[in-house]
Amino acid sequence: MKGSTKWLASEDFIGMKPVELTISGVFKDTGEVMQDGKKKDFFSVAFEATEKRLVLNATNRKTLSFSFGASTKQWIGKKILLWAQDGVKAIGGGTTTGLRLKSAEPVNNPLLES
């Protein structure tokens, strides 16, 4: 995995198959200094298998909400698959390699029932 940072990055997963992780916590991080030196507020997810956390971008946050419900308390103990994906839209334009996730469990969402 990527060097001494507390955040998971796409570089940690390049060349790997999707990794199954169990969510152990959801956090609101405020005033965190990022790589660009700017302070940001965001949500992150912790996992049982690693001390590093995943910064939740809008896409991954919506995927978790859709899969497990809007209450983040419902996410604890849920299993996800996490992988690096090429062609993710980058902030400011262009594309990059980014982290993507999906539920490793059956999704219990009434919107999917017909």
PDB file of N, CA and C in Angstrom:
ATOM      1  N   MET A   1       0.828  -1.183   0.000  1.00  0.00           N
ATOM      2  CA  MET A   1       0.000   0.000   0.000  1.00  0.00           C
ATOM      3  C   MET A   1       0.872   1.247   0.000  1.00  0.00           C
ATOM      4  N   LYS A   2       0.236   2.339  -0.373  1.00  0.00           N
ATOM      5  CA  LYS A   2       0.936   3.618  -0.458  1.00  0.00           C
ATOM      6  C   LYS A   2       1.565   3.978   0.883  1.00  0.00           C
ATOM      7  N   GLY A   3       2.699   4.632   0.843  1.00  0.00           N
ATOM      8  CA  GLY A   3       3.502   5.010   2.002  1.00  0.00           C
ATOM      9  C   GLY A   3       2.783   5.474   3.245  1.00  0.00           C
ATOM     10  N   SER A   4       3.402   6.347   3.988  1.00  0.00           N
ATOM     11  CA  SER A   4       2.930   6.750   5.307  1.00  0.00           C
ATOM     12  C   SER A   4       1.848   7.830   5.220  1.00  0.00           C
ATOM     13  N   THR A   5       0.675   7.411   4.945  1.00  0.00           N
ATOM     14  CA  THR A   5      -0.498   8.272   4.950  1.00  0.00           C
ATOM     15  C   THR A   5      -1.622   7.501   5.626  1.00  0.00           C
ATOM     16  N   LYS A   6      -2.579   8.205   6.198  1.00  0.00           N
ATOM     17  CA  LYS A   6      -3.674   7.490   6.842  1.00  0.00           C
ATOM     18  C   LYS A   6      -4.850   7.250   5.904  1.00  0.00           C
ATOM     19  N   TRP A   7      -4.669   7.602   4.632  1.00  0.00           N
ATOM     20  CA  TRP A   7      -5.754   7.473   3.663  1.00  0.00           C
ATOM     21  C   TRP A   7      -5.422   6.425   2.605  1.00  0.00           C
ATOM     22  N   LEU A   8      -6.400   5.612   2.252  1.00  0.00           N
ATOM     23  CA  LEU A   8      -6.241   4.677   1.142  1.00  0.00           C
ATOM     24  C   LEU A   8      -6.200   5.461  -0.161  1.00  0.00           C
ATOM     25  N   ALA A   9      -5.438   4.958  -1.121  1.00  0.00           N
ATOM     26  CA  ALA A   9      -5.313   5.612  -2.420  1.00  0.00           C
ATOM     27  C   ALA A   9      -5.367   4.562  -3.520  1.00  0.00           C
ATOM     28  N   SER A  10      -5.665   5.004  -4.728  1.00  0.00           N
ATOM     29  CA  SER A  10      -5.742   4.075  -5.850  1.00  0.00           C
ATOM     30  C   SER A  10      -4.427   3.327  -6.035  1.00  0.00           C
ATOM     31  N   GLU A  11      -3.300   3.979  -5.728  1.00  0.00           N
ATOM     32  CA  GLU A  11      -1.994   3.335  -5.868  1.00  0.00           C
ATOM     33  C   GLU A  11      -1.876   2.089  -4.996  1.00  0.00           C
ATOM     34  N   ASP A  12      -2.651   2.040  -3.907  1.00  0.00           N
ATOM     35  CA  ASP A  12      -2.639   0.883  -3.019  1.00  0.00           C
ATOM     36  C   ASP A  12      -3.239  -0.359  -3.675  1.00  0.00           C
ATOM     37  N   PHE A  13      -4.024  -0.167  -4.746  1.00  0.00           N
ATOM     38  CA  PHE A  13      -4.795  -1.263  -5.322  1.00  0.00           C
ATOM     39  C   PHE A  13      -4.494  -1.538  -6.792  1.00  0.00           C
ATOM     40  N   ILE A  14      -3.609  -0.779  -7.411  1.00  0.00           N
ATOM     41  CA  ILE A  14      -3.310  -0.972  -8.831  1.00  0.00           C
ATOM     42  C   ILE A  14      -2.743  -2.373  -9.048  1.00  0.00           C
ATOM     43  N   GLY A  15      -3.287  -3.055 -10.038  1.00  0.00           N
ATOM     44  CA  GLY A  15      -2.834  -4.400 -10.387  1.00  0.00           C
ATOM     45  C   GLY A  15      -3.430  -5.493  -9.523  1.00  0.00           C
ATOM     46  N   MET A  16      -4.325  -5.125  -8.611  1.00  0.00           N
ATOM     47  CA  MET A  16      -4.940  -6.106  -7.722  1.00  0.00           C
ATOM     48  C   MET A  16      -6.389  -6.358  -8.127  1.00  0.00           C
ATOM     49  N   LYS A  17      -6.871  -7.542  -7.792  1.00  0.00           N
ATOM     50  CA  LYS A  17      -8.300  -7.828  -7.936  1.00  0.00           C
ATOM     51  C   LYS A  17      -9.025  -7.057  -6.837  1.00  0.00           C
ATOM     52  N   PRO A  18     -10.355  -6.916  -6.947  1.00  0.00           N
ATOM     53  CA  PRO A  18     -11.096  -6.249  -5.878  1.00  0.00           C
ATOM     54  C   PRO A  18     -10.824  -6.898  -4.517  1.00  0.00           C
ATOM     55  N   VAL A  19     -10.651  -6.063  -3.502  1.00  0.00           N
ATOM     56  CA  VAL A  19     -10.336  -6.504  -2.151  1.00  0.00           C
ATOM     57  C   VAL A  19     -11.602  -6.387  -1.297  1.00  0.00           C
ATOM     58  N   GLU A  20     -11.937  -7.455  -0.579  1.00  0.00           N
ATOM     59  CA  GLU A  20     -13.098  -7.409   0.308  1.00  0.00           C
ATOM     60  C   GLU A  20     -12.685  -6.831   1.660  1.00  0.00           C
ATOM     61  N   LEU A  21     -13.435  -5.831   2.111  1.00  0.00           N
ATOM     62  CA  LEU A  21     -13.178  -5.174   3.392  1.00  0.00           C
ATOM     63  C   LEU A  21     -14.485  -5.042   4.160  1.00  0.00           C
ATOM     64  N   THR A  22     -14.393  -5.062   5.485  1.00  0.00           N
ATOM     65  CA  THR A  22     -15.553  -4.893   6.347  1.00  0.00           C
ATOM     66  C   THR A  22     -15.503  -3.513   6.989  1.00  0.00           C
ATOM     67  N   ILE A  23     -16.577  -2.752   6.853  1.00  0.00           N
ATOM     68  CA  ILE A  23     -16.644  -1.398   7.403  1.00  0.00           C
ATOM     69  C   ILE A  23     -16.716  -1.465   8.925  1.00  0.00           C
ATOM     70  N   SER A  24     -15.820  -0.720   9.580  1.00  0.00           N
ATOM     71  CA  SER A  24     -15.808  -0.700  11.046  1.00  0.00           C
ATOM     72  C   SER A  24     -16.204   0.662  11.621  1.00  0.00           C
ATOM     73  N   GLY A  25     -16.265   1.692  10.769  1.00  0.00           N
ATOM     74  CA  GLY A  25     -16.648   3.007  11.260  1.00  0.00           C
ATOM     75  C   GLY A  25     -16.807   4.009  10.133  1.00  0.00           C
ATOM     76  N   VAL A  26     -17.587   5.048  10.388  1.00  0.00           N
ATOM     77  CA  VAL A  26     -17.782   6.141   9.443  1.00  0.00           C
ATOM     78  C   VAL A  26     -17.514   7.431  10.210  1.00  0.00           C
ATOM     79  N   PHE A  27     -16.718   8.311   9.634  1.00  0.00           N
ATOM     80  CA  PHE A  27     -16.258   9.509  10.334  1.00  0.00           C
ATOM     81  C   PHE A  27     -16.479  10.765   9.500  1.00  0.00           C
ATOM     82  N   LYS A  28     -16.749  11.877  10.198  1.00  0.00           N
ATOM     83  CA  LYS A  28     -16.740  13.188   9.548  1.00  0.00           C
ATOM     84  C   LYS A  28     -15.417  13.827   9.929  1.00  0.00           C
ATOM     85  N   ASP A  29     -14.567  14.023   8.954  1.00  0.00           N
ATOM     86  CA  ASP A  29     -13.233  14.593   9.162  1.00  0.00           C
ATOM     87  C   ASP A  29     -13.289  16.080   8.823  1.00  0.00           C
ATOM     88  N   THR A  30     -12.827  16.906   9.729  1.00  0.00           N
ATOM     89  CA  THR A  30     -12.862  18.350   9.505  1.00  0.00           C
ATOM     90  C   THR A  30     -11.461  18.932   9.613  1.00  0.00           C
ATOM     91  N   GLY A  31     -11.157  19.840   8.707  1.00  0.00           N
ATOM     92  CA  GLY A  31      -9.880  20.533   8.745  1.00  0.00           C
ATOM     93  C   GLY A  31      -8.674  19.659   8.464  1.00  0.00           C
ATOM     94  N   GLU A  32      -8.867  18.569   7.743  1.00  0.00           N
ATOM     95  CA  GLU A  32      -7.745  17.684   7.406  1.00  0.00           C
ATOM     96  C   GLU A  32      -6.905  18.325   6.304  1.00  0.00           C
ATOM     97  N   VAL A  33      -5.596  18.329   6.475  1.00  0.00           N
ATOM     98  CA  VAL A  33      -4.694  18.876   5.466  1.00  0.00           C
ATOM     99  C   VAL A  33      -4.430  17.781   4.432  1.00  0.00           C
ATOM    100  N   MET A  34      -4.755  18.070   3.184  1.00  0.00           N
ATOM    101  CA  MET A  34      -4.619  17.101   2.108  1.00  0.00           C
ATOM    102  C   MET A  34      -3.278  17.280   1.384  1.00  0.00           C
ATOM    103  N   GLN A  35      -3.040  16.418   0.357  1.00  0.00           N
ATOM    104  CA  GLN A  35      -1.776  16.444  -0.384  1.00  0.00           C
ATOM    105  C   GLN A  35      -1.460  17.816  -0.959  1.00  0.00           C
ATOM    106  N   ASP A  36      -2.506  18.534  -1.375  1.00  0.00           N
ATOM    107  CA  ASP A  36      -2.280  19.847  -1.977  1.00  0.00           C
ATOM    108  C   ASP A  36      -2.050  20.941  -0.932  1.00  0.00           C
ATOM    109  N   GLY A  37      -2.040  20.562   0.360  1.00  0.00           N
ATOM    110  CA  GLY A  37      -1.799  21.504   1.437  1.00  0.00           C
ATOM    111  C   GLY A  37      -3.035  22.240   1.915  1.00  0.00           C
ATOM    112  N   LYS A  38      -4.181  22.002   1.257  1.00  0.00           N
ATOM    113  CA  LYS A  38      -5.420  22.678   1.628  1.00  0.00           C
ATOM    114  C   LYS A  38      -6.166  21.870   2.686  1.00  0.00           C
ATOM    115  N   LYS A  39      -6.847  22.595   3.574  1.00  0.00           N
ATOM    116  CA  LYS A  39      -7.671  21.942   4.582  1.00  0.00           C
ATOM    117  C   LYS A  39      -9.040  21.637   3.978  1.00  0.00           C
ATOM    118  N   LYS A  40      -9.546  20.421   4.260  1.00  0.00           N
ATOM    119  CA  LYS A  40     -10.840  20.015   3.711  1.00  0.00           C
ATOM    120  C   LYS A  40     -11.659  19.298   4.768  1.00  0.00           C
ATOM    121  N   ASP A  41     -12.972  19.339   4.585  1.00  0.00           N
ATOM    122  CA  ASP A  41     -13.916  18.580   5.399  1.00  0.00           C
ATOM    123  C   ASP A  41     -14.519  17.498   4.506  1.00  0.00           C
ATOM    124  N   PHE A  42     -14.646  16.298   5.036  1.00  0.00           N
ATOM    125  CA  PHE A  42     -15.188  15.195   4.244  1.00  0.00           C
ATOM    126  C   PHE A  42     -15.561  14.043   5.168  1.00  0.00           C
ATOM    127  N   PHE A  43     -16.203  13.038   4.608  1.00  0.00           N
ATOM    128  CA  PHE A  43     -16.508  11.808   5.332  1.00  0.00           C
ATOM    129  C   PHE A  43     -15.513  10.743   4.916  1.00  0.00           C
ATOM    130  N   SER A  44     -15.211   9.835   5.849  1.00  0.00           N
ATOM    131  CA  SER A  44     -14.326   8.714   5.552  1.00  0.00           C
ATOM    132  C   SER A  44     -14.868   7.447   6.197  1.00  0.00           C
ATOM    133  N   VAL A  45     -14.386   6.321   5.700  1.00  0.00           N
ATOM    134  CA  VAL A  45     -14.805   5.011   6.189  1.00  0.00           C
ATOM    135  C   VAL A  45     -13.574   4.258   6.673  1.00  0.00           C
ATOM    136  N   ALA A  46     -13.688   3.628   7.847  1.00  0.00           N
ATOM    137  CA  ALA A  46     -12.624   2.786   8.393  1.00  0.00           C
ATOM    138  C   ALA A  46     -12.993   1.327   8.160  1.00  0.00           C
ATOM    139  N   PHE A  47     -11.958   0.484   8.111  1.00  0.00           N
ATOM    140  CA  PHE A  47     -12.148  -0.941   7.855  1.00  0.00           C
ATOM    141  C   PHE A  47     -11.433  -1.772   8.908  1.00  0.00           C
ATOM    142  N   GLU A  48     -11.916  -2.985   9.103  1.00  0.00           N
ATOM    143  CA  GLU A  48     -11.318  -3.875  10.098  1.00  0.00           C
ATOM    144  C   GLU A  48      -9.887  -4.292   9.740  1.00  0.00           C
ATOM    145  N   ALA A  49      -9.557  -4.427   8.466  1.00  0.00           N
ATOM    146  CA  ALA A  49      -8.296  -5.035   8.047  1.00  0.00           C
ATOM    147  C   ALA A  49      -7.128  -4.057   7.903  1.00  0.00           C
ATOM    148  N   THR A  50      -7.384  -2.753   8.015  1.00  0.00           N
ATOM    149  CA  THR A  50      -6.318  -1.782   7.799  1.00  0.00           C
ATOM    150  C   THR A  50      -6.549  -0.548   8.668  1.00  0.00           C
ATOM    151  N   GLU A  51      -5.473   0.112   9.041  1.00  0.00           N
ATOM    152  CA  GLU A  51      -5.595   1.362   9.787  1.00  0.00           C
ATOM    153  C   GLU A  51      -5.924   2.535   8.871  1.00  0.00           C
ATOM    154  N   LYS A  52      -5.683   2.370   7.566  1.00  0.00           N
ATOM    155  CA  LYS A  52      -5.967   3.435   6.618  1.00  0.00           C
ATOM    156  C   LYS A  52      -7.469   3.524   6.369  1.00  0.00           C
ATOM    157  N   ARG A  53      -7.928   4.761   6.163  1.00  0.00           N
ATOM    158  CA  ARG A  53      -9.343   4.996   5.884  1.00  0.00           C
ATOM    159  C   ARG A  53      -9.533   5.440   4.446  1.00  0.00           C
ATOM    160  N   LEU A  54     -10.751   5.280   3.969  1.00  0.00           N
ATOM    161  CA  LEU A  54     -11.126   5.688   2.623  1.00  0.00           C
ATOM    162  C   LEU A  54     -11.864   7.015   2.684  1.00  0.00           C
ATOM    163  N   VAL A  55     -11.335   8.035   2.019  1.00  0.00           N
ATOM    164  CA  VAL A  55     -12.040   9.301   1.880  1.00  0.00           C
ATOM    165  C   VAL A  55     -13.199   9.059   0.921  1.00  0.00           C
ATOM    166  N   LEU A  56     -14.416   9.414   1.348  1.00  0.00           N
ATOM    167  CA  LEU A  56     -15.581   9.164   0.506  1.00  0.00           C
ATOM    168  C   LEU A  56     -15.827  10.322  -0.447  1.00  0.00           C
ATOM    169  N   ASN A  57     -15.687  10.034  -1.728  1.00  0.00           N
ATOM    170  CA  ASN A  57     -16.102  11.006  -2.734  1.00  0.00           C
ATOM    171  C   ASN A  57     -17.605  10.824  -2.951  1.00  0.00           C
ATOM    172  N   ALA A  58     -18.213  11.672  -3.746  1.00  0.00           N
ATOM    173  CA  ALA A  58     -19.662  11.626  -3.938  1.00  0.00           C
ATOM    174  C   ALA A  58     -20.119  10.288  -4.516  1.00  0.00           C
ATOM    175  N   THR A  59     -19.387   9.762  -5.483  1.00  0.00           N
ATOM    176  CA  THR A  59     -19.779   8.505  -6.121  1.00  0.00           C
ATOM    177  C   THR A  59     -19.786   7.352  -5.123  1.00  0.00           C
ATOM    178  N   ASN A  60     -18.721   7.194  -4.364  1.00  0.00           N
ATOM    179  CA  ASN A  60     -18.645   6.087  -3.410  1.00  0.00           C
ATOM    180  C   ASN A  60     -19.614   6.274  -2.244  1.00  0.00           C
ATOM    181  N   ARG A  61     -19.834   7.512  -1.817  1.00  0.00           N
ATOM    182  CA  ARG A  61     -20.803   7.784  -0.750  1.00  0.00           C
ATOM    183  C   ARG A  61     -22.217   7.402  -1.206  1.00  0.00           C
ATOM    184  N   LYS A  62     -22.562   7.751  -2.427  1.00  0.00           N
ATOM    185  CA  LYS A  62     -23.887   7.406  -2.959  1.00  0.00           C
ATOM    186  C   LYS A  62     -24.032   5.895  -3.128  1.00  0.00           C
ATOM    187  N   THR A  63     -22.968   5.229  -3.538  1.00  0.00           N
ATOM    188  CA  THR A  63     -23.012   3.772  -3.682  1.00  0.00           C
ATOM    189  C   THR A  63     -23.289   3.109  -2.337  1.00  0.00           C
ATOM    190  N   LEU A  64     -22.614   3.566  -1.272  1.00  0.00           N
ATOM    191  CA  LEU A  64     -22.849   3.005   0.057  1.00  0.00           C
ATOM    192  C   LEU A  64     -24.267   3.298   0.536  1.00  0.00           C
ATOM    193  N   SER A  65     -24.747   4.512   0.324  1.00  0.00           N
ATOM    194  CA  SER A  65     -26.111   4.862   0.728  1.00  0.00           C
ATOM    195  C   SER A  65     -27.142   4.025  -0.008  1.00  0.00           C
ATOM    196  N   PHE A  66     -26.946   3.847  -1.297  1.00  0.00           N
ATOM    197  CA  PHE A  66     -27.872   3.063  -2.097  1.00  0.00           C
ATOM    198  C   PHE A  66     -27.849   1.601  -1.658  1.00  0.00           C
ATOM    199  N   SER A  67     -26.663   1.091  -1.330  1.00  0.00           N
ATOM    200  CA  SER A  67     -26.514  -0.322  -0.970  1.00  0.00           C
ATOM    201  C   SER A  67     -27.002  -0.641   0.434  1.00  0.00           C
ATOM    202  N   PHE A  68     -26.706   0.266   1.403  1.00  0.00           N
ATOM    203  CA  PHE A  68     -26.939  -0.064   2.804  1.00  0.00           C
ATOM    204  C   PHE A  68     -27.888   0.880   3.535  1.00  0.00           C
ATOM    205  N   GLY A  69     -28.338   1.927   2.866  1.00  0.00           N
ATOM    206  CA  GLY A  69     -29.246   2.884   3.490  1.00  0.00           C
ATOM    207  C   GLY A  69     -28.558   4.196   3.801  1.00  0.00           C
ATOM    208  N   ALA A  70     -29.362   5.227   4.025  1.00  0.00           N
ATOM    209  CA  ALA A  70     -28.838   6.576   4.249  1.00  0.00           C
ATOM    210  C   ALA A  70     -28.192   6.734   5.621  1.00  0.00           C
ATOM    211  N   SER A  71     -28.605   5.933   6.600  1.00  0.00           N
ATOM    212  CA  SER A  71     -28.020   6.027   7.934  1.00  0.00           C
ATOM    213  C   SER A  71     -26.668   5.318   7.942  1.00  0.00           C
ATOM    214  N   THR A  72     -25.609   6.077   8.234  1.00  0.00           N
ATOM    215  CA  THR A  72     -24.266   5.487   8.222  1.00  0.00           C
ATOM    216  C   THR A  72     -24.099   4.430   9.306  1.00  0.00           C
ATOM    217  N   LYS A  73     -24.929   4.460  10.335  1.00  0.00           N
ATOM    218  CA  LYS A  73     -24.874   3.425  11.370  1.00  0.00           C
ATOM    219  C   LYS A  73     -25.153   2.045  10.772  1.00  0.00           C
ATOM    220  N   GLN A  74     -25.959   2.012   9.704  1.00  0.00           N
ATOM    221  CA  GLN A  74     -26.291   0.752   9.038  1.00  0.00           C
ATOM    222  C   GLN A  74     -25.110   0.188   8.239  1.00  0.00           C
ATOM    223  N   TRP A  75     -24.111   1.004   7.981  1.00  0.00           N
ATOM    224  CA  TRP A  75     -22.969   0.559   7.184  1.00  0.00           C
ATOM    225  C   TRP A  75     -21.985  -0.286   7.994  1.00  0.00           C
ATOM    226  N   ILE A  76     -21.973  -0.111   9.315  1.00  0.00           N
ATOM    227  CA  ILE A  76     -21.016  -0.820  10.169  1.00  0.00           C
ATOM    228  C   ILE A  76     -21.244  -2.325  10.061  1.00  0.00           C
ATOM    229  N   GLY A  77     -20.144  -3.055   9.825  1.00  0.00           N
ATOM    230  CA  GLY A  77     -20.209  -4.509   9.690  1.00  0.00           C
ATOM    231  C   GLY A  77     -20.496  -4.996   8.279  1.00  0.00           C
ATOM    232  N   LYS A  78     -20.815  -4.089   7.372  1.00  0.00           N
ATOM    233  CA  LYS A  78     -21.097  -4.469   5.983  1.00  0.00           C
ATOM    234  C   LYS A  78     -19.789  -4.697   5.232  1.00  0.00           C
ATOM    235  N   LYS A  79     -19.849  -5.627   4.296  1.00  0.00           N
ATOM    236  CA  LYS A  79     -18.683  -5.962   3.480  1.00  0.00           C
ATOM    237  C   LYS A  79     -18.800  -5.272   2.120  1.00  0.00           C
ATOM    238  N   ILE A  80     -17.662  -4.727   1.689  1.00  0.00           N
ATOM    239  CA  ILE A  80     -17.592  -4.095   0.370  1.00  0.00           C
ATOM    240  C   ILE A  80     -16.421  -4.680  -0.409  1.00  0.00           C
ATOM    241  N   LEU A  81     -16.461  -4.463  -1.706  1.00  0.00           N
ATOM    242  CA  LEU A  81     -15.320  -4.752  -2.576  1.00  0.00           C
ATOM    243  C   LEU A  81     -14.751  -3.410  -3.005  1.00  0.00           C
ATOM    244  N   LEU A  82     -13.435  -3.255  -2.914  1.00  0.00           N
ATOM    245  CA  LEU A  82     -12.754  -2.004  -3.242  1.00  0.00           C
ATOM    246  C   LEU A  82     -11.665  -2.290  -4.267  1.00  0.00           C
ATOM    247  N   TRP A  83     -11.579  -1.452  -5.318  1.00  0.00           N
ATOM    248  CA  TRP A  83     -10.579  -1.654  -6.361  1.00  0.00           C
ATOM    249  C   TRP A  83     -10.219  -0.320  -7.019  1.00  0.00           C
ATOM    250  N   ALA A  84      -9.111  -0.327  -7.748  1.00  0.00           N
ATOM    251  CA  ALA A  84      -8.683   0.837  -8.531  1.00  0.00           C
ATOM    252  C   ALA A  84      -9.277   0.718  -9.925  1.00  0.00           C
ATOM    253  N   GLN A  85      -9.811   1.832 -10.420  1.00  0.00           N
ATOM    254  CA  GLN A  85     -10.416   1.843 -11.745  1.00  0.00           C
ATOM    255  C   GLN A  85      -9.867   3.003 -12.555  1.00  0.00           C
ATOM    256  N   ASP A  86      -9.418   2.709 -13.763  1.00  0.00           N
ATOM    257  CA  ASP A  86      -8.954   3.753 -14.677  1.00  0.00           C
ATOM    258  C   ASP A  86     -10.146   4.490 -15.275  1.00  0.00           C
ATOM    259  N   GLY A  87      -9.906   5.727 -15.712  1.00  0.00           N
ATOM    260  CA  GLY A  87     -10.933   6.485 -16.423  1.00  0.00           C
ATOM    261  C   GLY A  87     -11.919   7.210 -15.529  1.00  0.00           C
ATOM    262  N   VAL A  88     -11.592   7.387 -14.254  1.00  0.00           N
ATOM    263  CA  VAL A  88     -12.462   8.113 -13.336  1.00  0.00           C
ATOM    264  C   VAL A  88     -12.281   9.606 -13.584  1.00  0.00           C
ATOM    265  N   LYS A  89     -13.393  10.351 -13.640  1.00  0.00           N
ATOM    266  CA  LYS A  89     -13.298  11.794 -13.868  1.00  0.00           C
ATOM    267  C   LYS A  89     -12.536  12.453 -12.727  1.00  0.00           C
ATOM    268  N   ALA A  90     -11.574  13.277 -13.097  1.00  0.00           N
ATOM    269  CA  ALA A  90     -10.745  13.979 -12.114  1.00  0.00           C
ATOM    270  C   ALA A  90     -11.311  15.368 -11.843  1.00  0.00           C
ATOM    271  N   ILE A  91     -11.072  15.861 -10.637  1.00  0.00           N
ATOM    272  CA  ILE A  91     -11.459  17.234 -10.318  1.00  0.00           C
ATOM    273  C   ILE A  91     -10.646  18.153 -11.212  1.00  0.00           C
ATOM    274  N   GLY A  92     -11.298  19.079 -11.872  1.00  0.00           N
ATOM    275  CA  GLY A  92     -10.605  20.004 -12.754  1.00  0.00           C
ATOM    276  C   GLY A  92     -10.534  19.515 -14.196  1.00  0.00           C
ATOM    277  N   GLY A  93     -11.133  18.362 -14.480  1.00  0.00           N
ATOM    278  CA  GLY A  93     -11.162  17.846 -15.846  1.00  0.00           C
ATOM    279  C   GLY A  93     -10.206  16.692 -16.050  1.00  0.00           C
ATOM    280  N   GLY A  94     -10.375  16.008 -17.150  1.00  0.00           N
ATOM    281  CA  GLY A  94      -9.547  14.855 -17.461  1.00  0.00           C
ATOM    282  C   GLY A  94      -9.977  13.627 -16.677  1.00  0.00           C
ATOM    283  N   THR A  95      -9.158  12.588 -16.759  1.00  0.00           N
ATOM    284  CA  THR A  95      -9.454  11.355 -16.036  1.00  0.00           C
ATOM    285  C   THR A  95      -8.226  10.908 -15.261  1.00  0.00           C
ATOM    286  N   THR A  96      -8.459  10.014 -14.302  1.00  0.00           N
ATOM    287  CA  THR A  96      -7.398   9.501 -13.459  1.00  0.00           C
ATOM    288  C   THR A  96      -7.753   8.082 -13.054  1.00  0.00           C
ATOM    289  N   THR A  97      -6.904   7.462 -12.257  1.00  0.00           N
ATOM    290  CA  THR A  97      -7.230   6.186 -11.645  1.00  0.00           C
ATOM    291  C   THR A  97      -7.791   6.489 -10.270  1.00  0.00           C
ATOM    292  N   GLY A  98      -8.972   5.974  -9.981  1.00  0.00           N
ATOM    293  CA  GLY A  98      -9.624   6.259  -8.706  1.00  0.00           C
ATOM    294  C   GLY A  98     -10.091   4.985  -8.038  1.00  0.00           C
ATOM    295  N   LEU A  99     -10.494   5.121  -6.793  1.00  0.00           N
ATOM    296  CA  LEU A  99     -11.021   3.983  -6.057  1.00  0.00           C
ATOM    297  C   LEU A  99     -12.524   3.898  -6.249  1.00  0.00           C
ATOM    298  N   ARG A 100     -12.994   2.703  -6.480  1.00  0.00           N
ATOM    299  CA  ARG A 100     -14.420   2.432  -6.611  1.00  0.00           C
ATOM    300  C   ARG A 100     -14.767   1.293  -5.683  1.00  0.00           C
ATOM    301  N   LEU A 101     -16.030   1.251  -5.296  1.00  0.00           N
ATOM    302  CA  LEU A 101     -16.477   0.193  -4.397  1.00  0.00           C
ATOM    303  C   LEU A 101     -17.876  -0.249  -4.766  1.00  0.00           C
ATOM    304  N   LYS A 102     -18.227  -1.432  -4.255  1.00  0.00           N
ATOM    305  CA  LYS A 102     -19.596  -1.923  -4.357  1.00  0.00           C
ATOM    306  C   LYS A 102     -19.813  -2.886  -3.198  1.00  0.00           C
ATOM    307  N   SER A 103     -21.062  -3.157  -2.928  1.00  0.00           N
ATOM    308  CA  SER A 103     -21.407  -4.076  -1.862  1.00  0.00           C
ATOM    309  C   SER A 103     -20.923  -5.476  -2.211  1.00  0.00           C
ATOM    310  N   ALA A 104     -20.370  -6.172  -1.224  1.00  0.00           N
ATOM    311  CA  ALA A 104     -19.993  -7.575  -1.408  1.00  0.00           C
ATOM    312  C   ALA A 104     -21.116  -8.470  -0.899  1.00  0.00           C
ATOM    313  N   GLU A 105     -22.226  -7.833  -0.479  1.00  0.00           N
ATOM    314  CA  GLU A 105     -23.380  -8.539   0.064  1.00  0.00           C
ATOM    315  C   GLU A 105     -24.581  -8.264  -0.828  1.00  0.00           C
ATOM    316  N   PRO A 106     -25.625  -9.082  -0.701  1.00  0.00           N
ATOM    317  CA  PRO A 106     -26.853  -8.760  -1.429  1.00  0.00           C
ATOM    318  C   PRO A 106     -27.357  -7.392  -0.985  1.00  0.00           C
ATOM    319  N   VAL A 107     -27.764  -6.576  -1.938  1.00  0.00           N
ATOM    320  CA  VAL A 107     -28.251  -5.231  -1.643  1.00  0.00           C
ATOM    321  C   VAL A 107     -29.713  -5.323  -1.250  1.00  0.00           C
ATOM    322  N   ASN A 108     -30.038  -4.754  -0.087  1.00  0.00           N
ATOM    323  CA  ASN A 108     -31.413  -4.756   0.407  1.00  0.00           C
ATOM    324  C   ASN A 108     -31.989  -3.365   0.227  1.00  0.00           C
ATOM    325  N   ASN A 109     -32.382  -3.045  -1.008  1.00  0.00           N
ATOM    326  CA  ASN A 109     -32.914  -1.728  -1.301  1.00  0.00           C
ATOM    327  C   ASN A 109     -34.273  -1.907  -1.965  1.00  0.00           C
ATOM    328  N   PRO A 110     -35.347  -1.420  -1.359  1.00  0.00           N
ATOM    329  CA  PRO A 110     -36.683  -1.603  -1.924  1.00  0.00           C
ATOM    330  C   PRO A 110     -36.852  -0.961  -3.293  1.00  0.00           C
ATOM    331  N   LEU A 111     -35.994  -0.012  -3.638  1.00  0.00           N
ATOM    332  CA  LEU A 111     -36.093   0.611  -4.965  1.00  0.00           C
ATOM    333  C   LEU A 111     -35.734  -0.378  -6.069  1.00  0.00           C
ATOM    334  N   LEU A 112     -34.999  -1.450  -5.729  1.00  0.00           N
ATOM    335  CA  LEU A 112     -34.606  -2.444  -6.718  1.00  0.00           C
ATOM    336  C   LEU A 112     -35.668  -3.515  -6.924  1.00  0.00           C
ATOM    337  N   GLU A 113     -36.626  -3.593  -6.004  1.00  0.00           N
ATOM    338  CA  GLU A 113     -37.664  -4.628  -6.103  1.00  0.00           C
ATOM    339  C   GLU A 113     -38.720  -4.203  -7.101  1.00  0.00           C
ATOM    340  N   SER A 114     -39.179  -5.172  -7.888  1.00  0.00           N
ATOM    341  CA  SER A 114     -40.218  -4.829  -8.862  1.00  0.00           C
ATOM    342  C   SER A 114     -41.485  -5.604  -8.621  1.00  0.00           C
TER     343      SER A 114
END
